[in-house]
Amino acid sequence: MKTKRSWTVEQKLAILKEADESGVTATIRKHQIFGNTLYEWRQKYLTSGEAGLKSAYIRTSPDVKKLEAEIRMLKELVAEKELTIRIKDELLKKTLVRHKNDAR
């Protein structure tokens, strides 16, 4: 099974230019792409310019994924600590109220 190729904006522009100069059939055979792909690129380029040719899929690097996982873990840890502190504060308030009532 072939893996999906990704093309840079510059490559897409060069292929579109080549298709205009050499013809669509020769270009899609040379670069092994489908005609629909070429026509989609052309349409996106005509409507949105170079920005339209940028890939919508952005690959996240393993380092970024690792950092995101670490951030999630740390946020959970902070939430647990905040809950522990809140519970201790409530217990302390109850204890202080009891001691005040006992002192009277």
C-alpha atoms as a PDB file:
ATOM      1  CA  MET A   1       0.000   0.000   0.000  1.00  0.00           C
ATOM      2  CA  LYS A   2       1.339   3.407  -0.935  1.00  0.00           C
ATOM      3  CA  THR A   3       1.642   6.069   1.677  1.00  0.00           C
ATOM      4  CA  LYS A   4       0.055   9.434   1.106  1.00  0.00           C
ATOM      5  CA  ARG A   5       2.521  11.976  -0.218  1.00  0.00           C
ATOM      6  CA  SER A   6       2.525  15.539   0.918  1.00  0.00           C
ATOM      7  CA  TRP A   7       3.532  18.343  -1.391  1.00  0.00           C
ATOM      8  CA  THR A   8       4.904  21.713  -0.375  1.00  0.00           C
ATOM      9  CA  VAL A   9       3.331  24.891  -1.682  1.00  0.00           C
ATOM     10  CA  GLU A  10       6.371  25.431  -3.915  1.00  0.00           C
ATOM     11  CA  GLN A  11       6.077  21.936  -5.391  1.00  0.00           C
ATOM     12  CA  LYS A  12       2.376  22.416  -6.074  1.00  0.00           C
ATOM     13  CA  LEU A  13       3.036  25.749  -7.792  1.00  0.00           C
ATOM     14  CA  ALA A  14       5.780  24.191  -9.936  1.00  0.00           C
ATOM     15  CA  ILE A  15       3.485  21.321 -10.947  1.00  0.00           C
ATOM     16  CA  LEU A  16       0.671  23.744 -11.816  1.00  0.00           C
ATOM     17  CA  LYS A  17       3.064  25.804 -13.937  1.00  0.00           C
ATOM     18  CA  GLU A  18       4.364  22.667 -15.627  1.00  0.00           C
ATOM     19  CA  ALA A  19       0.797  21.556 -16.386  1.00  0.00           C
ATOM     20  CA  ASP A  20       0.113  24.896 -18.065  1.00  0.00           C
ATOM     21  CA  GLU A  21       3.279  24.620 -20.152  1.00  0.00           C
ATOM     22  CA  SER A  22       3.487  20.892 -20.925  1.00  0.00           C
ATOM     23  CA  GLY A  23      -0.113  19.793 -20.600  1.00  0.00           C
ATOM     24  CA  VAL A  24      -2.094  18.148 -17.855  1.00  0.00           C
ATOM     25  CA  THR A  25      -1.760  14.538 -19.020  1.00  0.00           C
ATOM     26  CA  ALA A  26       2.030  14.581 -19.279  1.00  0.00           C
ATOM     27  CA  THR A  27       2.358  16.350 -15.933  1.00  0.00           C
ATOM     28  CA  ILE A  28       0.109  14.015 -13.942  1.00  0.00           C
ATOM     29  CA  ARG A  29       1.871  10.985 -15.415  1.00  0.00           C
ATOM     30  CA  LYS A  30       5.299  12.410 -14.646  1.00  0.00           C
ATOM     31  CA  HIS A  31       4.448  13.239 -11.029  1.00  0.00           C
ATOM     32  CA  GLN A  32       2.093  10.268 -10.547  1.00  0.00           C
ATOM     33  CA  ILE A  33      -0.828  12.323  -9.303  1.00  0.00           C
ATOM     34  CA  PHE A  34      -4.485  12.183 -10.205  1.00  0.00           C
ATOM     35  CA  GLY A  35      -6.062  14.714 -12.505  1.00  0.00           C
ATOM     36  CA  ASN A  36      -8.569  15.598  -9.793  1.00  0.00           C
ATOM     37  CA  THR A  37      -5.696  16.489  -7.480  1.00  0.00           C
ATOM     38  CA  LEU A  38      -4.231  18.853 -10.047  1.00  0.00           C
ATOM     39  CA  TYR A  39      -7.596  20.486 -10.713  1.00  0.00           C
ATOM     40  CA  GLU A  40      -8.250  20.858  -6.968  1.00  0.00           C
ATOM     41  CA  TRP A  41      -4.867  22.563  -6.542  1.00  0.00           C
ATOM     42  CA  ARG A  42      -5.618  24.876  -9.457  1.00  0.00           C
ATOM     43  CA  GLN A  43      -9.038  25.771  -8.048  1.00  0.00           C
ATOM     44  CA  LYS A  44      -7.626  26.423  -4.574  1.00  0.00           C
ATOM     45  CA  TYR A  45      -4.848  28.550  -6.066  1.00  0.00           C
ATOM     46  CA  LEU A  46      -7.306  30.587  -8.131  1.00  0.00           C
ATOM     47  CA  THR A  47      -9.650  31.207  -5.195  1.00  0.00           C
ATOM     48  CA  SER A  48      -7.203  31.611  -2.295  1.00  0.00           C
ATOM     49  CA  GLY A  49      -3.760  32.074  -3.819  1.00  0.00           C
ATOM     50  CA  GLU A  50      -0.749  30.383  -2.260  1.00  0.00           C
ATOM     51  CA  ALA A  51      -2.515  30.168   1.102  1.00  0.00           C
ATOM     52  CA  GLY A  52      -5.047  27.821  -0.481  1.00  0.00           C
ATOM     53  CA  LEU A  53      -2.282  25.392  -1.407  1.00  0.00           C
ATOM     54  CA  LYS A  54      -1.046  24.997   2.154  1.00  0.00           C
ATOM     55  CA  SER A  55      -1.743  21.636   3.704  1.00  0.00           C
ATOM     56  CA  ALA A  56      -4.691  21.588   6.075  1.00  0.00           C
ATOM     57  CA  TYR A  57      -3.089  18.739   7.998  1.00  0.00           C
ATOM     58  CA  ILE A  58      -0.308  19.776  10.332  1.00  0.00           C
ATOM     59  CA  ARG A  59       1.758  16.933  11.715  1.00  0.00           C
ATOM     60  CA  THR A  60       2.619  17.266  15.385  1.00  0.00           C
ATOM     61  CA  SER A  61       6.146  16.258  16.268  1.00  0.00           C
ATOM     62  CA  PRO A  62       6.716  13.574  18.915  1.00  0.00           C
ATOM     63  CA  ASP A  63       8.447  16.136  21.138  1.00  0.00           C
ATOM     64  CA  VAL A  64       5.370  18.373  21.092  1.00  0.00           C
ATOM     65  CA  LYS A  65       3.090  15.407  21.849  1.00  0.00           C
ATOM     66  CA  LYS A  66       5.327  14.441  24.772  1.00  0.00           C
ATOM     67  CA  LEU A  67       5.223  17.991  26.141  1.00  0.00           C
ATOM     68  CA  GLU A  68       1.444  18.163  25.741  1.00  0.00           C
ATOM     69  CA  ALA A  69       1.080  14.903  27.686  1.00  0.00           C
ATOM     70  CA  GLU A  70       3.344  16.273  30.417  1.00  0.00           C
ATOM     71  CA  ILE A  71       1.283  19.477  30.593  1.00  0.00           C
ATOM     72  CA  ARG A  72      -1.942  17.447  30.944  1.00  0.00           C
ATOM     73  CA  MET A  73      -0.384  15.381  33.747  1.00  0.00           C
ATOM     74  CA  LEU A  74       0.838  18.498  35.555  1.00  0.00           C
ATOM     75  CA  LYS A  75      -2.580  20.157  35.254  1.00  0.00           C
ATOM     76  CA  GLU A  76      -4.191  17.081  36.803  1.00  0.00           C
ATOM     77  CA  LEU A  77      -1.610  17.127  39.591  1.00  0.00           C
ATOM     78  CA  VAL A  78      -2.275  20.816  40.293  1.00  0.00           C
ATOM     79  CA  ALA A  79      -6.034  20.155  40.366  1.00  0.00           C
ATOM     80  CA  GLU A  80      -5.535  17.328  42.877  1.00  0.00           C
ATOM     81  CA  LYS A  81      -3.334  19.536  45.057  1.00  0.00           C
ATOM     82  CA  GLU A  82      -5.892  22.347  44.965  1.00  0.00           C
ATOM     83  CA  LEU A  83      -8.613  19.916  46.022  1.00  0.00           C
ATOM     84  CA  THR A  84      -6.443  18.624  48.879  1.00  0.00           C
ATOM     85  CA  ILE A  85      -5.775  22.178  50.062  1.00  0.00           C
ATOM     86  CA  ARG A  86      -9.475  23.060  49.873  1.00  0.00           C
ATOM     87  CA  ILE A  87     -10.407  19.982  51.939  1.00  0.00           C
ATOM     88  CA  LYS A  88      -7.728  20.762  54.539  1.00  0.00           C
ATOM     89  CA  ASP A  89      -8.945  24.371  54.770  1.00  0.00           C
ATOM     90  CA  GLU A  90     -12.513  23.178  55.390  1.00  0.00           C
ATOM     91  CA  LEU A  91     -11.351  20.746  58.076  1.00  0.00           C
ATOM     92  CA  LEU A  92      -9.258  23.469  59.699  1.00  0.00           C
ATOM     93  CA  LYS A  93     -12.231  25.850  59.755  1.00  0.00           C
ATOM     94  CA  LYS A  94     -14.422  23.191  61.389  1.00  0.00           C
ATOM     95  CA  THR A  95     -11.719  22.458  63.961  1.00  0.00           C
ATOM     96  CA  LEU A  96     -11.314  26.161  64.777  1.00  0.00           C
ATOM     97  CA  VAL A  97     -15.075  26.584  65.177  1.00  0.00           C
ATOM     98  CA  ARG A  98     -15.185  23.628  67.597  1.00  0.00           C
ATOM     99  CA  HIS A  99     -12.315  25.024  69.651  1.00  0.00           C
ATOM    100  CA  LYS A 100     -14.034  28.410  69.843  1.00  0.00           C
ATOM    101  CA  ASN A 101     -17.257  26.788  71.019  1.00  0.00           C
ATOM    102  CA  ASP A 102     -15.387  24.652  73.576  1.00  0.00           C
ATOM    103  CA  ALA A 103     -13.549  27.695  74.958  1.00  0.00           C
ATOM    104  CA  ARG A 104     -16.771  29.505  75.806  1.00  0.00           C
END
